[in-house]
Amino acid sequence: MAATRSSEFGDLVQIKKQLISIIAQCKERGLVHSVKWASELAFSLDPLPLNEIPPALELTEEDARDLDALCLAKSYFELKEYDRAAYFLRGCRSQKAYFLYMYSRYLSGEKKKDDETVDSLGPLEKGQVRNEALRELRVELSKKHSAGELDGFALYLYGVVLRKLDLLKEAVEIFVAATHALPQHWGSWLELCNLITNIEMLKSLSLPECWVRDFFMAHMFTELQMIKEALQKYQSLMEAGFAKSTYIISQIAVAYHNIRDIDQALYLFNELREQDPFRIENMDTFSNLLYVRSMKPELSYLAHNLVEIDKYRVETCCVIGNYYSLRSQHEKAALYFQRALKLNPRCLGAWTLMGHEYMEMKNTSAAIQAYRHAIEVNKRDYRAWYGLGQTYEILKMPFYSLYYYRKAHQLRPNDSRMLVALGECYEKLSQQVEAKKCYWRAYSVGDVERMALLKLAKLHEQLNESDDAAQCYIIYIQDIFSCGLLIFDSALYGSGRRGRLARAQHSGVRCARLRPLSRGEERAEEGALLRRLVLHVSHATAPLLAGAGRWRRLAAL
């Protein structure tokens, strides 16, 4: 199998050479994130012998003429003196110098925008601060593009400018062109990921056939919540020769996190920490898992460890925020999420988690603003849509809740929690037929909270559909017993006047009595088992805000 994958992937030696080459090119242009991605992949492959290492890129006449100015400007660029770097690159004609000139102007505008935002605006205020250089850059890059004078890197920058100006359709076209012009540059693929909204759009794109496309498709499947396909793709990549890649391990861990396989995700994150103990990337996701499992010592250790590494990273602030939230210190948690957003106003997780903290503090208006900011950053974030639905549900605005729950359901069509929430909304709007469909669908796709059948049974009961209600109760009892969750819902006890409902109760008791005892098991245990089965628990009538668990469990996973 591995040999087949390797043959499909091509020669790993050639891939390593391409990675080494793209690392050098990205370094020259200051594209540090693309350098890091390519370097991590190159590190996971076997070293090349000396005679196989690709030579340095040859200089053109224009490169040689601009070399001194480029070296000087690059030194200023690395010190984040972007205006100074751009000044000394004026008039340079080489492709490298032109990209660094335009990129310096773009980053200068971004830095000024961020500084102005932090100085004048609160974290929840909707500022109108924009990068003033964007329009000029678009005009100049557009002229060069029309003349066919942009290389793969310049096309990437042009696409970023268009995206920042909300010209998304044009940006997609340019990023696709950038992947064709320079397939090994991960930055173009990653920007394209952020603009694809559904699988149909993904299939409609004409993308180059190369090994990087496999990484892109795996990442895209994860973003579109197509986790089974994503895991298959990442498994193929590992079999093809990238088994040591920490990038792939982290992506698989995130995929398991998205499908709420907490044990597997925790195992992979712990393995990742062993291989790369000073890694900060994705540790906010790891902290979400620790939060859900209420693993206070582990979360405390992670927070202290990241503070020692770099306390001014976005991920560190989010981990500390999760730690304080787990301790029910919601004001402190919100403060650290605000710090994360000052460091990176486009941090999706921080906006969503801050929305939850505001909900804990009963500040619904601030929570709504935080969730809306999260959606602005990434419209595919089902957690923010769901959070808005819950907020408006608490405000007793079911039509608004229905709209946001529908959005969340579109993003997670097989998530039972979205379907149960939709069913509750339809019930409040007296649309019982739609509610019944939602509850049954939630049960069919795998009801993670084991609420759907109970709600469906009670709805049947309210509509005097006793036979259907009893059938739902019986299935519920059988499912609960088969899973070992020996809980019996109190709703059955209030239905004794109906024969079928009474038999549903008796069926549950009979299930406990007929349970086979293992050798050496005490008879007293059977009595305890029966008492636990008929325990008076009514999940379905629990208040929406009975503790923070329901909010954060959904948000984190």
Protein backbone atom coordinates (compact mmCIF):
# COMPACT_ATOMS: atom_id res chain seq x y z
CA MET A 1 0.00 0.00 0.00
CA ALA A 2 2.77 2.43 0.97
CA ALA A 3 4.62 1.70 -2.26
CA THR A 4 1.48 2.47 -4.24
CA ARG A 5 1.05 5.78 -2.45
CA SER A 6 4.68 6.70 -3.02
CA SER A 7 4.39 5.98 -6.73
CA GLU A 8 1.28 8.15 -6.90
CA PHE A 9 3.13 10.90 -5.07
CA GLY A 10 6.18 10.75 -7.26
CA ASP A 11 9.81 10.67 -6.22
CA LEU A 12 10.27 11.85 -2.62
CA VAL A 13 13.78 13.01 -3.51
CA GLN A 14 12.33 15.39 -6.09
CA ILE A 15 9.75 16.61 -3.56
CA LYS A 16 12.54 17.27 -1.05
CA LYS A 17 14.45 19.25 -3.70
CA GLN A 18 11.37 21.29 -4.47
CA LEU A 19 10.87 21.99 -0.76
CA ILE A 20 14.47 23.13 -0.35
CA SER A 21 14.09 25.40 -3.38
CA ILE A 22 10.80 26.97 -2.23
CA ILE A 23 12.22 27.51 1.26
CA ALA A 24 15.06 29.56 -0.23
CA GLN A 25 12.70 31.57 -2.44
CA CYS A 26 10.27 32.32 0.40
CA LYS A 27 13.12 33.33 2.70
CA GLU A 28 14.31 35.89 0.16
CA ARG A 29 10.81 37.40 0.10
CA GLY A 30 10.11 37.38 3.84
CA LEU A 31 7.25 34.83 3.65
CA VAL A 32 8.04 33.29 7.03
CA HIS A 33 4.90 31.17 7.44
CA SER A 34 5.42 29.46 4.09
CA VAL A 35 9.07 28.90 5.07
CA LYS A 36 7.99 27.24 8.31
CA TRP A 37 5.45 24.94 6.59
CA ALA A 38 7.89 23.82 3.91
CA SER A 39 10.70 23.39 6.45
CA GLU A 40 8.59 21.15 8.68
CA LEU A 41 7.75 18.94 5.71
CA ALA A 42 11.36 18.86 4.52
CA PHE A 43 12.50 17.88 8.02
CA SER A 44 10.12 14.90 8.00
CA LEU A 45 11.81 13.48 4.86
CA ASP A 46 15.18 11.75 4.74
CA PRO A 47 18.21 14.02 4.25
CA LEU A 48 19.63 14.33 0.75
CA PRO A 49 23.23 13.40 -0.03
CA LEU A 50 25.52 16.30 -0.85
CA ASN A 51 25.44 15.71 -4.61
CA GLU A 52 21.61 15.77 -4.59
CA ILE A 53 21.16 19.12 -2.83
CA PRO A 54 19.84 21.65 -5.38
CA PRO A 55 22.17 24.56 -6.18
CA ALA A 56 21.32 28.14 -5.31
CA LEU A 57 19.04 29.91 -7.76
CA GLU A 58 20.82 31.59 -10.61
CA LEU A 59 20.74 35.38 -10.70
CA THR A 60 19.43 37.23 -13.72
CA GLU A 61 20.92 40.49 -15.00
CA GLU A 62 18.18 42.41 -13.20
CA ASP A 63 18.80 40.48 -9.99
CA ALA A 64 22.50 41.34 -10.11
CA ARG A 65 21.75 45.02 -10.74
CA ASP A 66 19.32 45.18 -7.80
CA LEU A 67 21.34 42.96 -5.45
CA ASP A 68 22.75 45.69 -3.19
CA ALA A 69 19.43 47.50 -2.82
CA LEU A 70 17.67 44.20 -2.20
CA CYS A 71 20.10 43.16 0.56
CA LEU A 72 19.77 46.55 2.25
CA ALA A 73 15.99 46.58 2.01
CA LYS A 74 15.77 42.98 3.26
CA SER A 75 17.70 43.92 6.38
CA TYR A 76 15.22 46.73 7.08
CA PHE A 77 12.30 44.43 6.26
CA GLU A 78 13.43 41.86 8.82
CA LEU A 79 13.56 44.64 11.43
CA LYS A 80 9.95 45.51 10.48
CA GLU A 81 10.98 48.91 9.09
CA TYR A 82 8.68 48.42 6.13
CA ASP A 83 8.51 52.00 4.85
CA ARG A 84 12.28 52.22 4.93
CA ALA A 85 12.60 48.94 3.02
CA ALA A 86 10.12 50.11 0.36
CA TYR A 87 11.96 53.42 -0.04
CA PHE A 88 15.23 51.76 -1.05
CA LEU A 89 13.49 49.40 -3.47
CA ARG A 90 11.96 52.15 -5.59
CA GLY A 91 12.95 51.78 -9.20
CA CYS A 92 14.23 48.21 -8.88
CA ARG A 93 13.23 46.01 -11.82
CA SER A 94 13.83 42.42 -10.76
CA GLN A 95 10.89 40.19 -9.78
CA LYS A 96 12.29 39.62 -6.28
CA ALA A 97 12.82 43.31 -5.61
CA TYR A 98 9.40 44.24 -6.99
CA PHE A 99 7.64 41.70 -4.75
CA LEU A 100 9.51 42.86 -1.65
CA TYR A 101 8.75 46.48 -2.55
CA MET A 102 5.01 45.85 -2.85
CA TYR A 103 4.93 43.47 0.13
CA SER A 104 6.71 46.05 2.31
CA ARG A 105 4.09 48.65 1.42
CA TYR A 106 1.31 46.20 2.19
CA LEU A 107 2.76 45.22 5.58
CA SER A 108 3.39 48.86 6.44
CA GLY A 109 -0.29 49.60 5.90
CA GLU A 110 -1.30 46.55 7.96
CA LYS A 111 0.97 47.57 10.84
CA LYS A 112 -0.41 51.12 10.89
CA LYS A 113 -3.96 49.78 10.79
CA ASP A 114 -3.34 47.41 13.70
CA ASP A 115 -1.65 50.14 15.75
CA GLU A 116 -4.54 52.51 15.19
CA THR A 117 -7.08 49.79 16.03
CA VAL A 118 -5.39 48.94 19.34
CA ASP A 119 -4.96 52.60 20.31
CA SER A 120 -8.45 53.85 19.52
CA LEU A 121 -10.89 50.96 19.66
CA GLY A 122 -12.12 48.44 22.20
CA PRO A 123 -12.02 44.74 21.30
CA LEU A 124 -15.74 44.61 20.59
CA GLU A 125 -16.13 47.88 18.74
CA LYS A 126 -16.71 47.75 15.03
CA GLY A 127 -13.94 49.97 13.73
CA GLN A 128 -13.70 51.43 10.28
CA VAL A 129 -9.90 51.37 10.24
CA ARG A 130 -8.54 50.06 6.95
CA ASN A 131 -5.20 49.57 5.33
CA GLU A 132 -4.91 52.76 3.32
CA ALA A 133 -2.32 51.25 0.97
CA LEU A 134 -4.68 48.57 -0.38
CA ARG A 135 -6.33 50.58 -3.14
CA GLU A 136 -3.04 51.88 -4.52
CA LEU A 137 -1.54 48.42 -4.43
CA ARG A 138 -4.55 47.00 -6.25
CA VAL A 139 -4.27 49.56 -9.06
CA GLU A 140 -0.55 48.94 -9.57
CA LEU A 141 -0.80 45.15 -9.35
CA SER A 142 -3.79 45.13 -11.68
CA LYS A 143 -1.79 46.92 -14.38
CA LYS A 144 1.08 44.47 -14.01
CA HIS A 145 -1.34 41.53 -14.10
CA SER A 146 -2.98 42.78 -17.28
CA ALA A 147 0.46 43.00 -18.86
CA GLY A 148 1.28 39.45 -17.71
CA GLU A 149 4.24 40.63 -15.62
CA LEU A 150 3.37 39.03 -12.26
CA ASP A 151 5.11 35.86 -11.11
CA GLY A 152 3.64 33.35 -8.64
CA PHE A 153 4.63 35.38 -5.57
CA ALA A 154 3.28 38.65 -6.93
CA LEU A 155 0.02 36.91 -7.89
CA TYR A 156 -0.23 35.69 -4.31
CA LEU A 157 0.17 39.25 -3.01
CA TYR A 158 -2.38 40.52 -5.52
CA GLY A 159 -4.87 37.93 -4.28
CA VAL A 160 -4.28 38.96 -0.65
CA VAL A 161 -4.95 42.61 -1.54
CA LEU A 162 -8.18 41.67 -3.33
CA ARG A 163 -9.32 39.59 -0.37
CA LYS A 164 -8.64 42.45 2.02
CA LEU A 165 -10.78 44.68 -0.21
CA ASP A 166 -13.58 42.06 -0.08
CA LEU A 167 -13.29 41.37 -3.81
CA LEU A 168 -13.60 37.68 -3.12
CA LYS A 169 -14.54 36.36 -6.55
CA GLU A 170 -11.56 38.09 -8.16
CA ALA A 171 -9.32 36.93 -5.30
CA VAL A 172 -10.24 33.27 -5.89
CA GLU A 173 -9.33 33.57 -9.57
CA ILE A 174 -5.97 35.15 -8.74
CA PHE A 175 -5.10 32.58 -6.08
CA VAL A 176 -5.90 29.76 -8.51
CA ALA A 177 -3.59 31.44 -11.03
CA ALA A 178 -0.91 31.72 -8.32
CA THR A 179 -1.10 27.98 -7.59
CA HIS A 180 -0.60 27.27 -11.28
CA ALA A 181 2.32 29.71 -11.54
CA LEU A 182 4.06 28.39 -8.40
CA PRO A 183 2.45 25.17 -7.07
CA GLN A 184 4.98 24.67 -4.24
CA HIS A 185 4.09 27.93 -2.47
CA TRP A 186 1.78 26.89 0.38
CA GLY A 187 0.69 30.48 1.10
CA SER A 188 -1.40 30.66 -2.09
CA TRP A 189 -3.14 27.37 -1.31
CA LEU A 190 -3.87 28.43 2.27
CA GLU A 191 -5.38 31.74 1.20
CA LEU A 192 -7.54 29.87 -1.28
CA CYS A 193 -8.75 27.61 1.55
CA ASN A 194 -10.13 30.62 3.40
CA LEU A 195 -12.29 31.64 0.43
CA ILE A 196 -13.89 28.28 -0.42
CA THR A 197 -17.31 28.01 1.21
CA ASN A 198 -18.58 24.56 0.17
CA ILE A 199 -17.65 21.34 -1.60
CA GLU A 200 -19.34 22.40 -4.83
CA MET A 201 -17.13 25.46 -5.06
CA LEU A 202 -14.08 23.32 -4.36
CA LYS A 203 -14.95 20.90 -7.17
CA SER A 204 -15.48 23.75 -9.63
CA LEU A 205 -11.91 25.06 -9.31
CA SER A 206 -9.28 24.11 -11.85
CA LEU A 207 -6.24 23.35 -9.68
CA PRO A 208 -2.80 22.16 -10.75
CA GLU A 209 -1.95 18.47 -10.43
CA CYS A 210 0.94 18.34 -7.98
CA TRP A 211 1.82 16.86 -4.60
CA VAL A 212 0.90 20.07 -2.72
CA ARG A 213 -2.67 19.65 -3.92
CA ASP A 214 -3.03 16.56 -1.67
CA PHE A 215 -2.15 18.65 1.38
CA PHE A 216 -4.58 21.33 0.24
CA MET A 217 -7.42 18.84 -0.24
CA ALA A 218 -6.83 17.32 3.20
CA HIS A 219 -6.85 20.76 4.80
CA MET A 220 -9.96 21.70 2.85
CA PHE A 221 -11.83 18.56 3.89
CA THR A 222 -11.09 19.41 7.52
CA GLU A 223 -12.35 22.97 7.07
CA LEU A 224 -15.55 21.74 5.40
CA GLN A 225 -16.14 19.25 8.26
CA MET A 226 -15.63 16.30 5.90
CA ILE A 227 -13.54 14.59 8.54
CA LYS A 228 -13.67 11.04 7.18
CA GLU A 229 -12.26 12.20 3.85
CA ALA A 230 -9.67 14.37 5.60
CA LEU A 231 -8.41 11.50 7.74
CA GLN A 232 -8.18 9.23 4.70
CA LYS A 233 -6.17 11.85 2.84
CA TYR A 234 -3.78 12.44 5.75
CA GLN A 235 -3.34 8.69 6.17
CA SER A 236 -2.40 8.48 2.48
CA LEU A 237 0.14 11.26 2.94
CA MET A 238 1.73 9.49 5.89
CA GLU A 239 1.94 6.25 3.93
CA ALA A 240 3.49 8.18 1.04
CA GLY A 241 6.49 9.12 3.19
CA PHE A 242 5.44 11.97 5.51
CA ALA A 243 4.83 9.81 8.61
CA LYS A 244 7.21 11.95 10.72
CA SER A 245 5.55 15.25 9.82
CA THR A 246 4.42 17.16 12.92
CA TYR A 247 2.19 19.24 10.64
CA ILE A 248 0.22 16.15 9.61
CA ILE A 249 0.02 14.87 13.19
CA SER A 250 -1.38 18.22 14.33
CA GLN A 251 -3.92 18.29 11.51
CA ILE A 252 -5.11 14.76 12.33
CA ALA A 253 -5.46 15.77 15.98
CA VAL A 254 -7.56 18.79 14.95
CA ALA A 255 -9.70 16.53 12.76
CA TYR A 256 -10.40 14.16 15.68
CA HIS A 257 -11.16 17.22 17.80
CA ASN A 258 -13.75 18.31 15.23
CA ILE A 259 -15.58 14.98 15.36
CA ARG A 260 -15.38 14.98 19.17
CA ASP A 261 -13.18 11.91 19.43
CA ILE A 262 -11.60 13.38 22.54
CA ASP A 263 -9.46 10.42 23.57
CA GLN A 264 -7.77 10.08 20.18
CA ALA A 265 -7.27 13.84 19.87
CA LEU A 266 -5.72 14.04 23.35
CA TYR A 267 -3.41 11.12 22.54
CA LEU A 268 -2.18 12.80 19.35
CA PHE A 269 -1.67 16.19 21.00
CA ASN A 270 0.35 14.58 23.79
CA GLU A 271 2.42 12.75 21.17
CA LEU A 272 2.91 16.04 19.34
CA ARG A 273 4.10 17.70 22.56
CA GLU A 274 6.65 14.93 23.07
CA GLN A 275 8.05 15.40 19.56
CA ASP A 276 7.93 19.21 19.65
CA PRO A 277 7.81 20.34 23.32
CA PHE A 278 8.18 24.05 22.53
CA ARG A 279 5.38 24.10 19.97
CA ILE A 280 2.69 26.73 20.56
CA GLU A 281 0.68 26.34 17.38
CA ASN A 282 -2.62 24.41 17.89
CA MET A 283 -2.15 24.38 21.68
CA ASP A 284 -5.32 26.45 22.06
CA THR A 285 -7.20 23.53 20.48
CA PHE A 286 -5.46 21.16 22.88
CA SER A 287 -6.59 23.33 25.78
CA ASN A 288 -10.20 23.09 24.57
CA LEU A 289 -9.99 19.31 24.92
CA LEU A 290 -8.50 19.58 28.40
CA TYR A 291 -11.28 22.01 29.28
CA VAL A 292 -14.02 19.65 28.13
CA ARG A 293 -12.52 16.82 30.20
CA SER A 294 -12.15 19.20 33.20
CA MET A 295 -8.47 18.27 33.42
CA LYS A 296 -7.44 21.20 35.63
CA PRO A 297 -3.90 20.06 36.52
CA GLU A 298 -3.02 19.33 32.88
CA LEU A 299 -4.53 22.61 31.69
CA SER A 300 -2.68 24.52 34.42
CA TYR A 301 0.61 22.86 33.44
CA LEU A 302 0.02 23.67 29.77
CA ALA A 303 -0.74 27.32 30.56
CA HIS A 304 2.39 27.73 32.71
CA ASN A 305 4.52 25.98 30.12
CA LEU A 306 3.34 28.23 27.28
CA VAL A 307 3.85 31.36 29.40
CA GLU A 308 7.48 30.31 29.88
CA ILE A 309 7.88 29.82 26.11
CA ASP A 310 6.09 32.98 24.90
CA LYS A 311 3.40 34.69 26.94
CA TYR A 312 2.58 37.16 24.17
CA ARG A 313 1.38 34.59 21.65
CA VAL A 314 -2.31 34.41 20.76
CA GLU A 315 -2.48 30.70 21.57
CA THR A 316 -0.97 31.29 25.03
CA CYS A 317 -3.62 33.88 25.86
CA CYS A 318 -6.40 31.51 24.74
CA VAL A 319 -5.01 28.67 26.86
CA ILE A 320 -4.88 30.93 29.93
CA GLY A 321 -8.41 32.10 29.15
CA ASN A 322 -9.61 28.50 29.07
CA TYR A 323 -7.86 27.83 32.37
CA TYR A 324 -9.61 30.73 34.13
CA SER A 325 -12.93 29.76 32.56
CA LEU A 326 -12.59 26.23 33.92
CA ARG A 327 -12.10 27.80 37.34
CA SER A 328 -15.29 29.86 36.75
CA GLN A 329 -13.30 33.12 36.77
CA HIS A 330 -15.07 34.39 33.68
CA GLU A 331 -13.97 38.03 33.96
CA LYS A 332 -10.31 36.99 33.92
CA ALA A 333 -10.98 34.56 31.07
CA ALA A 334 -12.60 37.30 28.98
CA LEU A 335 -9.63 39.57 29.71
CA TYR A 336 -7.18 37.04 28.26
CA PHE A 337 -9.32 36.46 25.19
CA GLN A 338 -9.31 40.24 24.68
CA ARG A 339 -5.52 40.19 24.90
CA ALA A 340 -5.43 37.49 22.25
CA LEU A 341 -7.56 39.67 19.98
CA LYS A 342 -5.27 42.66 20.47
CA LEU A 343 -2.42 40.47 19.26
CA ASN A 344 -4.45 39.13 16.35
CA PRO A 345 -7.88 40.68 15.65
CA ARG A 346 -8.65 37.83 13.23
CA CYS A 347 -8.23 35.05 15.79
CA LEU A 348 -11.38 33.01 15.26
CA GLY A 349 -11.19 30.91 18.41
CA ALA A 350 -10.72 33.93 20.67
CA TRP A 351 -13.85 35.66 19.34
CA THR A 352 -15.96 32.55 19.81
CA LEU A 353 -14.64 31.76 23.28
CA MET A 354 -15.05 35.37 24.38
CA GLY A 355 -18.67 35.17 23.28
CA HIS A 356 -19.15 32.23 25.63
CA GLU A 357 -17.54 34.09 28.51
CA TYR A 358 -19.88 37.03 27.99
CA MET A 359 -22.78 34.59 28.02
CA GLU A 360 -21.56 33.25 31.35
CA MET A 361 -21.56 36.82 32.63
CA LYS A 362 -25.11 37.31 31.25
CA ASN A 363 -23.86 40.05 28.89
CA THR A 364 -25.86 38.97 25.85
CA SER A 365 -25.25 42.09 23.74
CA ALA A 366 -21.45 41.72 24.04
CA ALA A 367 -21.75 37.99 23.34
CA ILE A 368 -23.71 38.67 20.15
CA GLN A 369 -21.05 41.13 18.96
CA ALA A 370 -18.28 38.62 19.69
CA TYR A 371 -20.05 35.84 17.77
CA ARG A 372 -20.68 38.19 14.84
CA HIS A 373 -16.98 39.07 14.72
CA ALA A 374 -16.16 35.36 14.65
CA ILE A 375 -18.45 34.89 11.66
CA GLU A 376 -16.81 37.84 9.90
CA VAL A 377 -13.45 36.13 10.33
CA ASN A 378 -14.72 32.76 9.09
CA LYS A 379 -18.26 32.15 7.90
CA ARG A 380 -17.65 28.39 8.19
CA ASP A 381 -17.40 28.51 11.99
CA TYR A 382 -20.50 26.62 13.05
CA ARG A 383 -19.76 27.30 16.73
CA ALA A 384 -20.35 31.03 16.31
CA TRP A 385 -23.60 30.46 14.42
CA TYR A 386 -24.75 28.05 17.11
CA GLY A 387 -23.73 30.51 19.84
CA LEU A 388 -25.86 33.21 18.24
CA GLY A 389 -28.77 30.78 18.09
CA GLN A 390 -28.44 30.01 21.78
CA THR A 391 -28.14 33.68 22.69
CA TYR A 392 -31.31 34.65 20.84
CA GLU A 393 -33.06 31.61 22.31
CA ILE A 394 -32.31 32.95 25.78
CA LEU A 395 -33.61 36.34 24.67
CA LYS A 396 -36.83 34.54 23.66
CA MET A 397 -36.48 35.43 19.98
CA PRO A 398 -37.16 32.03 18.36
CA PHE A 399 -37.28 33.29 14.75
CA TYR A 400 -33.75 34.68 15.10
CA SER A 401 -32.63 31.48 16.82
CA LEU A 402 -34.08 29.39 14.01
CA TYR A 403 -32.12 31.36 11.40
CA TYR A 404 -28.79 30.89 13.18
CA TYR A 405 -29.41 27.25 14.04
CA ARG A 406 -30.16 26.60 10.37
CA LYS A 407 -26.82 28.14 9.43
CA ALA A 408 -25.06 25.94 11.97
CA HIS A 409 -26.92 22.88 10.66
CA GLN A 410 -25.89 23.64 7.08
CA LEU A 411 -22.27 23.58 8.20
CA ARG A 412 -22.71 20.45 10.34
CA PRO A 413 -25.57 18.50 8.72
CA ASN A 414 -24.83 15.33 10.69
CA ASP A 415 -24.39 16.95 14.09
CA SER A 416 -27.29 15.90 16.32
CA ARG A 417 -26.90 18.95 18.56
CA MET A 418 -27.79 21.29 15.72
CA LEU A 419 -30.82 19.18 14.86
CA VAL A 420 -32.06 19.05 18.46
CA ALA A 421 -31.69 22.82 18.72
CA LEU A 422 -33.67 23.23 15.49
CA GLY A 423 -36.36 20.91 16.82
CA GLU A 424 -36.68 22.94 20.01
CA CYS A 425 -37.06 26.12 17.97
CA TYR A 426 -39.75 24.57 15.77
CA GLU A 427 -41.60 23.45 18.90
CA LYS A 428 -41.59 26.99 20.26
CA LEU A 429 -42.94 28.20 16.92
CA SER A 430 -45.68 25.52 17.04
CA GLN A 431 -44.28 23.76 13.97
CA GLN A 432 -44.57 20.29 15.46
CA VAL A 433 -44.20 18.40 12.17
CA GLU A 434 -40.83 20.03 11.49
CA ALA A 435 -39.79 19.48 15.09
CA LYS A 436 -40.54 15.76 14.86
CA LYS A 437 -38.47 15.50 11.68
CA CYS A 438 -35.53 17.20 13.38
CA TYR A 439 -35.64 14.99 16.47
CA TRP A 440 -35.87 11.79 14.43
CA ARG A 441 -33.06 12.92 12.16
CA ALA A 442 -30.95 13.74 15.23
CA TYR A 443 -31.50 10.21 16.54
CA SER A 444 -30.73 8.70 13.12
CA VAL A 445 -27.35 10.46 12.71
CA GLY A 446 -26.24 9.47 16.23
CA ASP A 447 -27.58 11.48 19.14
CA VAL A 448 -24.50 12.42 21.14
CA GLU A 449 -26.48 13.96 24.01
CA ARG A 450 -29.21 11.25 24.02
CA MET A 451 -31.92 13.87 24.08
CA ALA A 452 -33.62 13.52 20.72
CA LEU A 453 -35.76 10.44 21.39
CA LEU A 454 -36.97 11.80 24.72
CA LYS A 455 -37.96 15.08 23.14
CA LEU A 456 -39.64 13.25 20.27
CA ALA A 457 -41.54 11.01 22.69
CA LYS A 458 -42.76 13.95 24.75
CA LEU A 459 -43.81 15.78 21.61
CA HIS A 460 -45.82 12.74 20.49
CA GLU A 461 -47.36 12.61 23.94
CA GLN A 462 -48.37 16.29 23.81
CA LEU A 463 -50.03 15.60 20.45
CA ASN A 464 -51.91 12.60 21.96
CA GLU A 465 -49.98 10.20 19.73
CA SER A 466 -49.62 7.62 22.49
CA ASP A 467 -48.47 4.68 20.36
CA ASP A 468 -45.65 6.67 18.77
CA ALA A 469 -44.66 8.14 22.14
CA ALA A 470 -44.49 4.71 23.74
CA GLN A 471 -42.40 3.35 20.89
CA CYS A 472 -39.90 6.20 21.29
CA TYR A 473 -39.70 5.59 25.03
CA ILE A 474 -39.06 1.87 24.49
CA ILE A 475 -36.29 2.55 21.96
CA TYR A 476 -34.81 5.10 24.34
CA ILE A 477 -34.76 2.59 27.22
CA GLN A 478 -33.19 -0.07 25.03
CA ASP A 479 -30.50 2.32 23.77
CA ILE A 480 -29.67 3.59 27.23
CA PHE A 481 -29.45 0.07 28.63
CA SER A 482 -27.37 -1.27 25.74
CA CYS A 483 -24.85 1.54 26.20
CA GLY A 484 -24.59 0.98 29.94
CA LEU A 485 -26.02 4.41 30.75
CA LEU A 486 -28.49 3.20 33.34
CA ILE A 487 -30.72 6.25 33.57
CA PHE A 488 -34.48 6.21 33.37
CA ASP A 489 -36.36 9.32 32.47
CA SER A 490 -39.04 10.60 34.83
CA ALA A 491 -41.30 11.46 31.90
CA LEU A 492 -42.36 7.81 31.73
CA TYR A 493 -43.77 7.90 35.23
CA GLY A 494 -46.20 10.63 34.38
CA SER A 495 -47.79 8.58 31.63
CA GLY A 496 -49.26 5.64 33.48
CA ARG A 497 -52.77 6.39 32.34
CA ARG A 498 -51.91 5.17 28.88
CA GLY A 499 -51.46 1.45 28.47
CA ARG A 500 -48.65 1.53 25.94
CA LEU A 501 -46.74 4.11 27.95
CA ALA A 502 -47.03 2.02 31.09
CA ARG A 503 -45.68 -0.99 29.17
CA ALA A 504 -42.72 1.13 28.10
CA GLN A 505 -41.89 1.67 31.74
CA HIS A 506 -42.27 -2.03 32.49
CA SER A 507 -40.02 -2.84 29.56
CA GLY A 508 -37.25 -0.79 31.17
CA VAL A 509 -37.66 -2.55 34.51
CA ARG A 510 -37.72 -5.93 32.75
CA CYS A 511 -34.47 -5.02 30.95
CA ALA A 512 -32.78 -4.58 34.31
CA ARG A 513 -34.20 -7.82 35.72
CA LEU A 514 -33.18 -9.92 32.74
CA ARG A 515 -29.61 -8.64 32.73
CA PRO A 516 -27.34 -11.74 32.93
CA LEU A 517 -25.12 -11.84 36.01
CA SER A 518 -21.47 -12.68 35.57
CA ARG A 519 -19.85 -15.40 37.70
CA GLY A 520 -19.33 -14.24 41.26
CA GLU A 521 -21.57 -11.18 40.90
CA GLU A 522 -23.59 -10.39 43.97
CA ARG A 523 -27.37 -10.42 43.88
CA ALA A 524 -27.34 -7.09 45.69
CA GLU A 525 -25.77 -5.52 42.61
CA GLU A 526 -28.89 -6.37 40.61
CA GLY A 527 -31.01 -4.45 43.11
CA ALA A 528 -28.66 -1.48 42.87
CA LEU A 529 -28.76 -1.69 39.08
CA LEU A 530 -32.55 -1.61 39.11
CA ARG A 531 -32.59 1.36 41.46
CA ARG A 532 -30.19 3.23 39.17
CA LEU A 533 -32.31 2.42 36.14
CA VAL A 534 -35.41 4.02 37.63
CA LEU A 535 -33.46 7.04 38.86
CA HIS A 536 -35.56 10.16 38.63
CA VAL A 537 -33.68 12.15 35.94
CA SER A 538 -35.33 14.40 33.39
CA HIS A 539 -32.69 15.64 30.95
CA ALA A 540 -35.14 17.22 28.61
CA THR A 541 -36.44 19.75 31.11
CA ALA A 542 -33.02 20.95 32.23
CA PRO A 543 -32.69 24.73 31.82
CA LEU A 544 -30.63 25.96 28.93
CA LEU A 545 -28.25 27.78 31.22
CA ALA A 546 -27.91 25.18 33.99
CA GLY A 547 -24.16 25.66 34.20
CA ALA A 548 -21.44 26.46 31.74
CA GLY A 549 -20.90 22.94 30.47
CA ARG A 550 -23.33 22.88 27.58
CA TRP A 551 -22.02 26.16 26.19
CA ARG A 552 -18.37 25.34 26.31
CA ARG A 553 -18.61 21.69 25.34
CA LEU A 554 -20.17 22.68 22.04
CA ALA A 555 -17.89 25.66 21.59
CA ALA A 556 -14.70 23.76 22.20
CA LEU A 557 -15.67 20.81 20.03
